[in-house]
Structures are given as structure tokens and as C-alpha cells.
Protein backbone atom coordinates (compact mmCIF):
# COMPACT_ATOMS: atom_id res chain seq x y z
CA MET A 1 -14.83 -42.77 -22.35
CA GLU A 2 -13.61 -39.58 -23.84
CA GLY A 3 -12.12 -37.01 -21.48
CA MET A 4 -12.67 -33.28 -21.76
CA VAL A 5 -9.89 -30.72 -21.64
CA GLN A 6 -11.07 -27.39 -20.22
CA SER A 7 -8.45 -24.68 -20.30
CA SER A 8 -8.10 -20.90 -20.56
CA VAL A 9 -5.08 -21.18 -22.84
CA PRO A 10 -5.41 -18.37 -25.42
CA GLN A 11 -5.72 -18.97 -29.16
CA TYR A 12 -2.57 -18.54 -31.21
CA SER A 13 -2.08 -17.45 -34.78
CA LYS A 14 0.91 -19.78 -35.19
CA PRO A 15 0.31 -23.34 -36.40
CA PHE A 16 -0.45 -26.04 -33.88
CA HIS A 17 0.93 -29.50 -33.90
CA SER A 18 -0.34 -32.66 -32.28
CA LEU A 19 1.70 -34.44 -29.65
CA THR A 20 1.02 -37.99 -28.52
CA ARG A 21 2.11 -38.53 -24.94
CA ARG A 22 4.66 -41.30 -24.46
CA ASN A 23 3.29 -42.34 -21.10
CA PRO A 24 -0.12 -40.72 -20.77
CA THR A 25 -1.19 -42.79 -17.79
CA SER A 26 1.45 -41.11 -15.64
CA VAL A 27 -0.15 -37.70 -16.04
CA ARG A 28 -2.56 -36.54 -13.36
CA ILE A 29 -3.64 -32.96 -13.78
CA ALA A 30 -6.14 -32.27 -11.05
CA ALA A 31 -4.20 -30.28 -8.49
CA ILE A 32 -4.41 -26.83 -10.01
CA HIS A 33 -6.59 -24.72 -7.72
CA THR A 34 -7.67 -22.21 -10.33
CA GLY A 35 -11.14 -23.57 -11.02
CA ARG A 36 -9.96 -25.65 -13.98
CA ARG A 37 -9.89 -29.43 -13.94
CA LEU A 38 -8.15 -31.18 -16.77
CA ARG A 39 -8.81 -34.83 -17.60
CA ILE A 40 -6.66 -36.49 -20.23
CA PRO A 41 -7.61 -40.00 -21.39
CA GLN A 42 -5.00 -42.61 -22.14
CA GLN A 43 -5.06 -42.13 -25.93
CA THR A 44 -5.85 -38.41 -26.16
CA HIS A 45 -3.67 -36.14 -28.27
CA LEU A 46 -2.68 -32.95 -26.45
CA PHE A 47 -2.76 -29.93 -28.77
CA LEU A 48 -0.14 -27.33 -27.93
CA PRO A 49 1.26 -24.28 -29.75
CA SER A 50 4.47 -24.85 -31.60
CA ILE A 51 6.17 -21.99 -29.82
CA SER A 52 9.44 -22.23 -27.99
CA SER A 53 11.79 -20.26 -25.77
CA PRO A 54 9.59 -18.68 -23.07
CA LYS A 55 11.04 -15.51 -21.63
CA VAL A 56 9.83 -14.31 -18.20
CA GLU A 57 9.92 -10.54 -17.88
CA GLY A 58 8.03 -8.56 -15.26
CA GLY A 59 5.58 -11.35 -14.52
CA THR A 60 4.73 -12.12 -18.15
CA VAL A 61 6.05 -14.80 -20.46
CA SER A 62 7.19 -13.84 -23.94
CA PHE A 63 8.37 -16.34 -26.53
CA ALA A 64 11.45 -15.63 -28.55
CA THR A 65 11.30 -16.30 -32.26
CA PRO A 66 14.55 -17.87 -33.51
CA GLU A 67 16.43 -15.78 -36.02
CA VAL A 68 17.31 -17.11 -39.44
CA GLY A 69 20.22 -19.51 -39.23
CA VAL A 70 19.57 -20.53 -35.60
CA SER A 71 19.38 -24.27 -35.14
CA ASN A 72 16.55 -26.12 -33.39
CA THR A 73 19.07 -27.27 -30.78
CA GLU A 74 19.92 -23.67 -29.84
CA THR A 75 16.22 -22.80 -29.74
CA ARG A 76 15.54 -25.66 -27.34
CA GLU A 77 18.46 -24.51 -25.17
CA TRP A 78 16.92 -21.02 -24.94
CA ALA A 79 13.58 -22.50 -23.93
CA MET A 80 15.14 -24.70 -21.24
CA GLN A 81 17.15 -21.83 -19.76
CA ASP A 82 14.07 -19.60 -19.48
CA PHE A 83 11.98 -22.42 -18.06
CA TYR A 84 14.65 -23.10 -15.43
CA THR A 85 14.57 -19.41 -14.45
CA LEU A 86 10.81 -19.58 -13.93
CA ARG A 87 11.16 -22.81 -11.96
CA LYS A 88 13.76 -21.17 -9.72
CA ASP A 89 11.37 -18.25 -9.09
CA VAL A 90 8.68 -20.73 -8.06
CA GLU A 91 11.05 -22.53 -5.69
CA THR A 92 12.07 -19.20 -4.14
CA VAL A 93 8.50 -18.08 -3.54
CA LEU A 94 7.61 -21.49 -2.05
CA GLU A 95 10.40 -21.09 0.48
CA ARG A 96 9.29 -17.54 1.24
CA VAL A 97 5.68 -18.62 1.83
CA GLU A 98 6.76 -21.40 4.20
CA GLU A 99 8.95 -18.99 6.16
CA ILE A 100 6.09 -16.50 6.51
CA ARG A 101 3.61 -19.17 7.57
CA ALA A 102 6.05 -20.53 10.15
CA ALA A 103 6.76 -17.06 11.55
CA ALA A 104 3.02 -16.30 11.78
CA GLY A 105 2.43 -19.23 14.15
CA LEU A 106 -0.47 -21.02 12.51
CA LYS A 107 -1.25 -23.24 15.50
CA GLN A 108 -1.44 -20.26 17.83
CA LEU A 109 -3.64 -18.39 15.36
CA GLN A 110 -6.04 -21.33 15.15
CA HIS A 111 -6.11 -21.53 18.96
CA ASP A 112 -6.81 -17.77 19.15
CA LEU A 113 -9.58 -18.13 16.57
CA ALA A 114 -11.33 -20.82 18.59
CA ALA A 115 -11.11 -18.70 21.76
CA LEU A 116 -12.43 -15.59 20.03
CA GLU A 117 -15.29 -17.49 18.41
CA ALA A 118 -16.28 -18.81 21.84
CA ALA A 119 -16.14 -15.29 23.30
CA ALA A 120 -18.21 -13.90 20.42
CA ALA A 121 -20.87 -16.56 20.98
CA ASP A 122 -21.20 -15.69 24.69
CA SER A 123 -24.63 -14.28 25.51
CA SER A 124 -23.10 -11.63 27.81
CA LEU A 125 -20.84 -10.26 25.09
CA TRP A 126 -22.76 -7.03 24.59
CA ASP A 127 -22.99 -6.20 28.26
CA ASN A 128 -19.83 -4.22 27.63
CA ARG A 129 -20.17 -2.59 24.21
CA ALA A 130 -16.54 -1.45 23.93
CA LYS A 131 -15.21 -4.88 24.83
CA ALA A 132 -17.65 -6.54 22.41
CA GLN A 133 -16.44 -4.39 19.52
CA GLU A 134 -12.85 -5.14 20.44
CA THR A 135 -13.55 -8.88 20.50
CA LEU A 136 -15.35 -8.86 17.15
CA GLN A 137 -12.57 -6.81 15.55
CA ALA A 138 -9.95 -9.24 16.89
CA LEU A 139 -12.00 -12.15 15.53
CA THR A 140 -12.19 -10.53 12.08
CA ASP A 141 -8.45 -9.83 12.09
CA CYS A 142 -7.65 -13.42 13.05
CA LYS A 143 -9.89 -14.84 10.32
CA ASP A 144 -8.44 -12.49 7.72
CA LYS A 145 -4.87 -13.41 8.65
CA LEU A 146 -5.56 -17.16 8.50
CA LYS A 147 -7.29 -16.78 5.13
CA LEU A 148 -4.38 -14.75 3.81
CA LEU A 149 -1.83 -17.35 4.88
CA HIS A 150 -3.98 -20.10 3.31
CA ASP A 151 -4.22 -18.14 0.06
CA PHE A 152 -0.44 -17.72 -0.03
CA LYS A 153 0.00 -21.48 0.21
CA THR A 154 -2.68 -22.20 -2.41
CA GLN A 155 -1.20 -19.80 -4.97
CA ALA A 156 2.32 -21.11 -4.43
CA ASP A 157 1.06 -24.67 -4.90
CA ASP A 158 -0.71 -23.62 -8.11
CA ALA A 159 2.54 -22.31 -9.59
CA GLU A 160 4.45 -25.42 -8.48
CA THR A 161 1.84 -27.71 -10.07
CA ILE A 162 2.16 -25.89 -13.38
CA ILE A 163 5.95 -26.29 -13.28
CA LYS A 164 5.69 -30.01 -12.56
CA LEU A 165 3.12 -30.41 -15.33
CA THR A 166 5.38 -28.64 -17.82
CA GLU A 167 8.28 -30.93 -16.91
CA GLU A 168 6.14 -33.96 -17.81
CA MET A 169 5.02 -32.56 -21.16
CA ASP A 170 6.85 -32.96 -24.44
CA SER A 171 6.47 -29.30 -25.35
CA THR A 172 6.08 -25.92 -23.70
CA ASP A 173 2.54 -24.66 -23.08
CA SER A 174 2.76 -20.88 -23.20
CA GLY A 175 -0.62 -20.42 -21.52
CA LEU A 176 0.41 -22.41 -18.45
CA LEU A 177 3.76 -20.65 -18.18
CA GLN A 178 2.08 -17.26 -18.44
CA GLU A 179 -0.29 -18.31 -15.70
CA ALA A 180 2.57 -19.44 -13.44
CA ALA A 181 4.52 -16.22 -14.04
CA GLY A 182 1.41 -14.16 -13.29
CA ILE A 183 0.81 -16.06 -10.06
CA ILE A 184 4.40 -15.51 -8.93
CA LYS A 185 4.27 -11.79 -9.71
CA GLU A 186 1.02 -11.17 -7.81
CA LEU A 187 2.03 -13.46 -4.95
CA ASN A 188 5.31 -11.62 -4.42
CA LYS A 189 3.39 -8.33 -4.25
CA ALA A 190 0.98 -9.80 -1.69
CA LEU A 191 3.87 -11.17 0.38
CA ASP A 192 5.56 -7.76 0.33
CA ARG A 193 2.35 -6.12 1.60
CA TYR A 194 1.97 -8.76 4.31
CA GLU A 195 5.55 -8.31 5.53
CA LEU A 196 4.96 -4.57 5.60
CA THR A 197 1.89 -4.90 7.84
CA GLN A 198 3.90 -7.00 10.30
CA LEU A 199 6.02 -3.91 10.96
CA LEU A 200 2.91 -1.99 12.04
CA SER A 201 2.10 -2.47 15.70
CA GLY A 202 0.97 0.99 16.81
CA PRO A 203 -2.49 1.47 18.35
CA TYR A 204 -3.76 3.44 15.35
CA ASP A 205 -1.79 1.82 12.51
CA LYS A 206 -4.84 -0.08 11.22
CA GLU A 207 -6.91 3.07 10.87
CA ALA A 208 -7.60 5.30 7.89
CA ALA A 209 -5.54 8.46 7.52
CA VAL A 210 -5.96 12.20 7.24
CA VAL A 211 -3.16 13.87 5.27
CA THR A 212 -2.67 17.62 5.57
CA ILE A 213 -0.29 19.38 3.17
CA THR A 214 0.85 22.95 3.76
CA ALA A 215 3.07 25.10 1.54
CA GLY A 216 6.19 26.31 3.35
CA ALA A 217 9.14 28.51 2.44
CA GLY A 218 9.45 29.23 -1.27
CA GLY A 219 6.53 31.41 -2.24
CA THR A 220 4.69 30.40 -5.40
CA ASP A 221 7.10 27.53 -6.00
CA ALA A 222 6.26 26.13 -2.58
CA GLN A 223 2.54 26.35 -3.32
CA ASP A 224 3.05 24.55 -6.62
CA TRP A 225 5.14 21.93 -4.79
CA ALA A 226 2.32 21.42 -2.27
CA ASP A 227 -0.05 20.77 -5.18
CA MET A 228 2.39 18.20 -6.60
CA LEU A 229 2.52 16.43 -3.22
CA LEU A 230 -1.28 16.43 -3.09
CA ARG A 231 -1.39 14.63 -6.43
CA MET A 232 1.34 12.21 -5.30
CA TYR A 233 -0.59 11.08 -2.21
CA VAL A 234 -3.88 10.82 -4.07
CA ARG A 235 -2.18 8.62 -6.68
CA TRP A 236 -0.64 6.50 -3.92
CA GLY A 237 -4.06 5.96 -2.37
CA GLU A 238 -5.51 4.97 -5.73
CA LYS A 239 -2.69 2.46 -6.31
CA GLN A 240 -3.50 0.89 -2.94
CA ARG A 241 -7.18 0.79 -3.93
CA TYR A 242 -8.07 3.02 -1.01
CA LYS A 243 -10.92 5.50 -1.04
CA THR A 244 -9.38 8.96 -1.33
CA LYS A 245 -11.19 12.25 -0.90
CA VAL A 246 -9.84 15.80 -0.95
CA VAL A 247 -11.97 17.37 1.77
CA GLU A 248 -10.35 20.79 1.83
CA LYS A 249 -8.18 22.82 -0.51
CA SER A 250 -7.00 26.42 -0.22
CA MET A 251 -5.78 27.68 -3.59
CA GLY A 252 -2.65 29.77 -4.04
CA GLU A 253 -2.68 33.29 -5.46
CA GLU A 254 -0.79 32.48 -8.67
CA ALA A 255 -0.55 28.69 -8.78
CA GLY A 256 -0.69 25.60 -6.63
CA ILE A 257 -2.26 25.44 -3.19
CA LYS A 258 -1.64 26.97 0.20
CA SER A 259 -2.96 23.88 1.96
CA ALA A 260 -5.08 20.79 1.41
CA THR A 261 -6.53 17.94 3.45
CA ILE A 262 -7.07 14.41 2.13
CA GLU A 263 -8.95 11.57 3.79
CA ILE A 264 -7.58 8.16 2.76
CA GLU A 265 -9.87 5.37 3.91
CA GLY A 266 -8.44 1.87 3.97
CA ARG A 267 -6.94 -0.64 6.35
CA TYR A 268 -3.44 0.33 7.54
CA ALA A 269 -3.52 3.64 5.66
CA TYR A 270 -2.31 5.54 8.74
CA GLY A 271 0.35 2.95 9.53
CA TYR A 272 1.78 3.13 6.03
CA LEU A 273 1.72 6.92 5.81
CA SER A 274 2.82 7.78 9.35
CA GLY A 275 6.43 8.06 8.19
CA GLU A 276 5.49 10.72 5.62
CA LYS A 277 5.04 13.28 8.38
CA GLY A 278 7.56 16.08 8.08
CA THR A 279 9.03 18.56 5.63
CA HIS A 280 9.50 17.65 1.97
CA ARG A 281 12.10 19.64 0.00
CA ILE A 282 12.22 20.10 -3.77
CA VAL A 283 15.09 21.40 -5.91
CA ARG A 284 14.27 22.26 -9.54
CA GLN A 285 14.36 24.89 -12.24
CA SER A 286 11.55 27.22 -11.28
CA PRO A 287 8.69 27.38 -13.83
CA PHE A 288 7.75 30.73 -12.26
CA ASN A 289 11.12 32.36 -12.83
CA SER A 290 11.69 33.98 -16.22
CA LYS A 291 15.39 33.11 -16.07
CA GLY A 292 14.71 29.48 -15.17
CA LEU A 293 16.94 29.61 -12.13
CA ARG A 294 17.21 26.71 -9.73
CA GLN A 295 14.77 27.05 -6.84
CA THR A 296 14.52 25.25 -3.49
CA SER A 297 11.07 25.04 -1.92
CA PHE A 298 9.45 23.29 1.03
CA SER A 299 6.08 21.88 2.00
CA GLY A 300 4.97 20.29 5.25
CA VAL A 301 3.02 17.04 5.49
CA GLU A 302 1.06 16.04 8.57
CA ILE A 303 -0.52 12.61 9.08
CA MET A 304 -3.32 11.81 11.53
CA PRO A 305 -5.45 8.70 12.01
CA LEU A 306 -9.07 8.97 10.94
CA LEU A 307 -10.72 7.65 14.08
CA PRO A 308 -14.42 6.91 14.66
CA GLU A 309 -16.08 9.38 17.01
CA ASP A 310 -17.02 6.70 19.55
CA SER A 311 -13.38 5.59 19.85
CA LEU A 312 -12.08 9.02 20.86
CA ASP A 313 -12.08 8.60 24.63
CA VAL A 314 -10.58 12.02 25.26
CA GLU A 315 -12.03 14.81 27.33
CA ILE A 316 -10.72 18.29 26.61
CA PRO A 317 -11.72 21.09 29.03
CA GLU A 318 -13.63 23.85 27.30
CA GLU A 319 -11.27 26.48 28.69
CA ASP A 320 -8.37 24.78 26.84
CA LEU A 321 -9.99 25.42 23.46
CA ASP A 322 -9.90 28.58 21.35
CA ILE A 323 -12.68 28.30 18.75
CA SER A 324 -13.03 30.80 15.92
CA PHE A 325 -15.36 30.95 12.93
CA THR A 326 -14.65 32.32 9.46
CA ARG A 327 -16.23 32.32 6.04
CA ALA A 328 -15.38 29.28 3.97
CA GLY A 329 -13.49 29.82 0.72
CA GLY A 330 -14.66 28.41 -2.57
CA LYS A 331 -16.30 29.20 -5.88
CA GLY A 332 -19.71 29.83 -4.38
CA GLY A 333 -22.79 28.09 -3.08
CA GLN A 334 -25.69 28.56 -0.75
CA ASN A 335 -23.56 29.34 2.31
CA VAL A 336 -20.03 29.73 0.96
CA ASN A 337 -18.68 33.28 1.49
CA LYS A 338 -22.02 34.29 3.08
CA VAL A 339 -22.15 32.50 6.44
CA GLU A 340 -19.26 31.85 8.82
CA THR A 341 -19.32 28.05 8.58
CA ALA A 342 -15.56 27.38 8.66
CA VAL A 343 -14.30 26.40 12.11
CA ARG A 344 -10.79 26.62 13.53
CA ILE A 345 -10.03 25.07 16.94
CA THR A 346 -6.76 25.63 18.77
CA HIS A 347 -5.69 23.60 21.80
CA ILE A 348 -4.23 26.35 23.98
CA PRO A 349 -1.82 24.26 26.15
CA THR A 350 -0.09 22.74 23.13
CA GLY A 351 -0.77 25.21 20.33
CA VAL A 352 -2.11 22.39 18.15
CA ALA A 353 -4.73 23.72 15.72
CA VAL A 354 -7.13 22.20 13.20
CA ARG A 355 -9.49 23.73 10.67
CA CYS A 356 -12.59 22.29 9.03
CA THR A 357 -14.55 23.82 6.17
CA GLU A 358 -16.01 20.92 4.17
CA GLU A 359 -19.38 20.63 5.94
CA ARG A 360 -22.33 22.91 5.16
CA SER A 361 -23.10 23.94 8.72
CA GLN A 362 -21.01 25.51 11.44
CA LEU A 363 -22.04 22.82 13.94
CA ALA A 364 -21.03 19.95 11.65
CA ASN A 365 -17.66 21.58 10.98
CA LYS A 366 -17.14 22.10 14.71
CA ILE A 367 -17.85 18.43 15.47
CA LYS A 368 -15.47 17.23 12.75
CA ALA A 369 -12.76 19.71 13.75
CA LEU A 370 -13.00 18.63 17.38
CA SER A 371 -12.74 14.98 16.32
CA ARG A 372 -9.57 15.73 14.32
CA LEU A 373 -8.09 17.67 17.20
CA LYS A 374 -8.64 14.73 19.56
CA ALA A 375 -7.04 12.34 17.06
CA LYS A 376 -4.08 14.68 16.67
CA LEU A 377 -3.57 14.95 20.43
CA LEU A 378 -3.80 11.18 20.81
CA VAL A 379 -1.08 10.67 18.22
CA ILE A 380 1.22 13.23 19.84
CA ALA A 381 0.58 11.67 23.24
CA GLU A 382 1.41 8.23 21.87
CA GLU A 383 4.57 9.48 20.21
CA GLN A 384 5.81 11.18 23.35
CA ARG A 385 4.44 8.56 25.75
CA ALA A 386 2.54 11.20 27.69
CA SER A 387 -0.23 9.96 29.97
CA GLU A 388 -2.15 13.22 30.16
CA ILE A 389 -2.95 15.81 27.53
CA LYS A 390 -1.58 18.62 29.68
CA GLN A 391 1.87 16.98 29.45
CA ILE A 392 1.88 17.06 25.66
CA ARG A 393 4.23 19.37 23.81
CA GLY A 394 3.56 19.71 20.11
CA ASP A 395 6.31 18.40 17.85
CA ALA A 396 5.38 20.16 14.64
CA VAL A 397 8.33 21.48 12.65
CA LYS A 398 8.59 24.38 10.27
CA ALA A 399 8.69 23.63 6.55
CA GLU A 400 12.07 25.24 5.89
CA TRP A 401 15.84 24.62 5.69
CA GLY A 402 17.30 21.89 7.87
CA GLN A 403 13.98 20.25 8.73
CA GLN A 404 13.32 18.06 5.70
CA ILE A 405 12.78 14.29 5.87
CA ARG A 406 13.08 13.80 2.11
CA ASN A 407 14.71 15.61 -0.79
CA TYR A 408 13.32 15.61 -4.32
CA VAL A 409 15.94 16.83 -6.80
CA PHE A 410 14.72 17.52 -10.35
CA HIS A 411 17.75 19.59 -11.44
CA PRO A 412 20.68 19.36 -12.18
CA TYR A 413 20.14 15.59 -11.75
CA LYS A 414 17.19 13.42 -10.74
CA LEU A 415 17.13 11.89 -7.27
CA VAL A 416 14.70 11.29 -4.43
CA LYS A 417 16.41 10.53 -1.11
CA ASP A 418 15.04 9.97 2.39
CA VAL A 419 17.47 11.59 4.80
CA ARG A 420 16.38 9.35 7.71
CA THR A 421 16.90 5.96 6.09
CA GLY A 422 19.29 6.81 3.24
CA TYR A 423 17.01 5.09 0.71
CA GLU A 424 17.16 6.80 -2.69
CA THR A 425 16.05 6.38 -6.29
CA SER A 426 16.61 8.25 -9.54
CA ASP A 427 13.14 7.29 -10.86
CA ILE A 428 11.55 10.52 -9.71
CA THR A 429 8.67 10.24 -12.20
CA SER A 430 7.39 7.03 -10.59
CA VAL A 431 7.67 8.55 -7.12
CA MET A 432 5.58 11.57 -8.11
CA ASP A 433 3.06 9.16 -9.63
CA GLY A 434 2.55 7.62 -6.18
CA ASP A 435 5.14 4.84 -6.11
CA LEU A 436 6.01 5.38 -2.43
CA ASP A 437 6.09 1.77 -1.23
CA PRO A 438 9.92 1.43 -1.26
CA PHE A 439 10.24 4.56 0.89
CA ILE A 440 7.44 3.43 3.22
CA LYS A 441 8.95 -0.03 3.64
CA SER A 442 12.42 1.39 4.23
CA TYR A 443 11.15 3.79 6.90
CA LEU A 444 9.10 1.13 8.71
CA LYS A 445 12.12 -1.18 8.85
CA HIS A 446 14.21 1.74 10.12
CA LYS A 447 11.61 2.57 12.76
CA TYR A 448 11.36 -1.08 13.82
CA SER A 449 15.14 -1.44 14.18
CA LEU A 450 15.32 1.76 16.25
CA ALA A 451 12.58 0.47 18.57
CA ALA A 452 14.34 -2.88 18.89
CA ASN A 453 17.66 -1.23 19.73
CA THR A 454 15.96 1.01 22.31
CA SER A 455 14.33 -1.97 24.02
CA VAL A 456 17.67 -3.77 24.17
CA VAL A 457 19.36 -0.74 25.77
CA ASN A 458 16.57 -0.37 28.32
């Protein structure tokens, strides 16, 4: 009976040659979990591209073409060296997956899942709505974590199967090697993200985030810098496949922005971005100076969790609030610049203030502003371990000299450096395009180590 070979190996312009397997009965190709199932009969010829020397670079496999005068022996040596590199990468990621699965405690997770499923099936679950929502969220989290750990194992096994298959073949299949390299690249990214989430244990770390950017000292340059930061965080959100929305923007007189507010909706958005809170300093040749002199400017970044209204169990006395109404800025509209729809609420005991202008009505803006104020007070209370709002003391800092958390130097050299962790990079273009993950990971590790040291001292 003839067997069918189903594969996604791409077509090649180079000539193919036919290879007869020396011991075809020893080949069993049915363990690849990618939806393909290959069946090779005992006397089937396996058609493979006559390409050698795979080169793994950045998750892709390229094949070197031997130069004139290079012997077939040297070409084979190149191919073997590159294949061994890929095999080593697979072995490394297999070890990493096993370490992560062991640290996660699979047996305990499965036990927790069974307990949560039993609790969710209880007929009295919804007698307490808040507890029911907490139980269902915990059940979802447990299922998601188990699925993630299972997917890690499956993908690692896929790559290992391809490596073992290649070792049994008489020639190198570029399609399979490209697939293995792609699996390893994506799996390493997923493992990095997973390890990052394990550093997030705060009560609001899983929530979406509200990012507020305000121009500080530096005049027009500072306003332009604030606009650059706005773009940087929007690009970061897009790279994470989060839903990003600029809900408020106050334009500068000449260029840039005075302030802006972004809502970034996605799991762990607040946890990832919480370390971005603070003053960001830029050093560059000013585009607004006719002499092109070097200019130092500052902008402040504030991060708050975007919490659902029903989760904000905070009561603020009316006498502690100073509420004012102004006309919303903008290019025009039915109510813009005609009706005082913009709302600003200040918490008098702490001086914490929020402003909301994006809704059409004054009432809607007031509700949203009050929700943001509550979220902001909750975060400050958590940071300072205060049990009551009246004990809170705002910890906002001025966007000026001596307060920065990160320096961005464009001139006379290129460098981005976090002053808290010491992490730095000269690839400033990538950072401004939203590549913030190395800084985020470095800060979270720094924060975790500080917390661990504090607990040991106490």
C-alpha cells in the first residue's frame, strides 16, 4: 500500500535529487504535533532539496552556497556544524522548559484546578457575588497556566522530534530545520514572557494600565519629548498586542504635547509598566534651537491600574474632594469649547488630582475621573502600606533635575540607561520604537530582589 507524504516544505528552485533510505523500516515519523502526519512506506523514495550547510540566524535557517573551489567535504562540515548548533539550542530549551514546569508545581496546580472546579460547580456559588467572581477568575488563571505549561512541553517536543528525524535522514531537509528554528525562537519568547509574569505578584499587576505623560522642565523641548514618550508607549502596547487608546491629549503651543493619557488594555499591562513611573530625562541637540545646542529636558510618567468600577471598594468623603469643571480642548464638536464638560477632581488630604475630558457629558467625565482617582489612591496606599486613605501621602515627584529614573542620551553619544538597575543599551532607536522589555524585566528582577532582601532583614 502506498503511503502519502504530507508536508509544508516549501518549493525550491534548485534541483532535487532522490534518496533511497538505507533502513526505511526504522523511520517512524508520527510524533510531530504540528498537524502533519508523515507516513513513509518501506520502498518509498524521499525527495529532498540538494541544499547543504544550514545556518541558523535569528530564528531562521539560511543555507550557505559553497564558493568556487570549496570541496564537498568542507561543505558537509559546514552543514554539520550548523546542525549541531541548532541541536544544542533545542537541548537548551528542553532543559529550560523542564525547569519551568518543575518550578510551577504541576501536581499542585492540578489539585488546585480540581478544587476550583468543584467550588465553581457549587449551587451556592453566587450567594456571594464578589467571592464567585474571585473563584471564577482563579479557575481561569489556573486553566490558562496549565495550558501554557502544556504548550511549552509540546513545542519543545516538536523541535526535538525534528532534530531526531534529521539525524536519521541521509540529507538535510531545509523545511524541517526552518520549522525547528522557528519553534525555538517563538518558544524562547514565550518562556521569557512567562518568567516575567512570575515576578508580578501585586494585587493589581494583572490589570490593564492607564499611562499619563506630562511635559516637565525644558519648555518646547520637554513637550516634544513628552510626545516621543507617548509614541514609545503606544508602540510598546502594539508590540504586546494590547489594545491601546489615547483618551486625552493636550497639545503644546509650538510642538509636542503638554500631557496625554493612554489606556492600555491587556493582561499584566499594569504589572509590566508599573516600573515606568517616574521622570524620564533626554539629552540631545535641540531641534528648536537655531544653533543646535545640546538640550536637557524632562517628562513625567505616571502609571495607574485600569480597574473595573465594581472592584473599587473605596469610599471617599465628599468633603475631601475638590471638583472643578472646565471647557474641554479640541478641534471642535457639538460640546467642545461650548459646554464645561471637562472634570478635574483633587483629593484634598493628599493633593492627588485627576482630569477627564474624553466623554461627551460632564456626568460621564465625573464618573470616570472619580474611578481613576480611586485607583490612584489604591496604588499609593498599596505602595506605602497604608490601611486608610487619610494616612496616604502622595509620592509624586517633579519632572526635573535629580529625579529621573532613566536617561536617554541622543548626543554626543547614544545610550539609554536606567539609573535604578544600571541596565543600559546603545540601541536607542529600538527603545523609542517600543522595545522596552529588557528594561521592564531588569526592573522587575531588581524589585523582586529588593523585596526578598527586605523580608530576610525583617
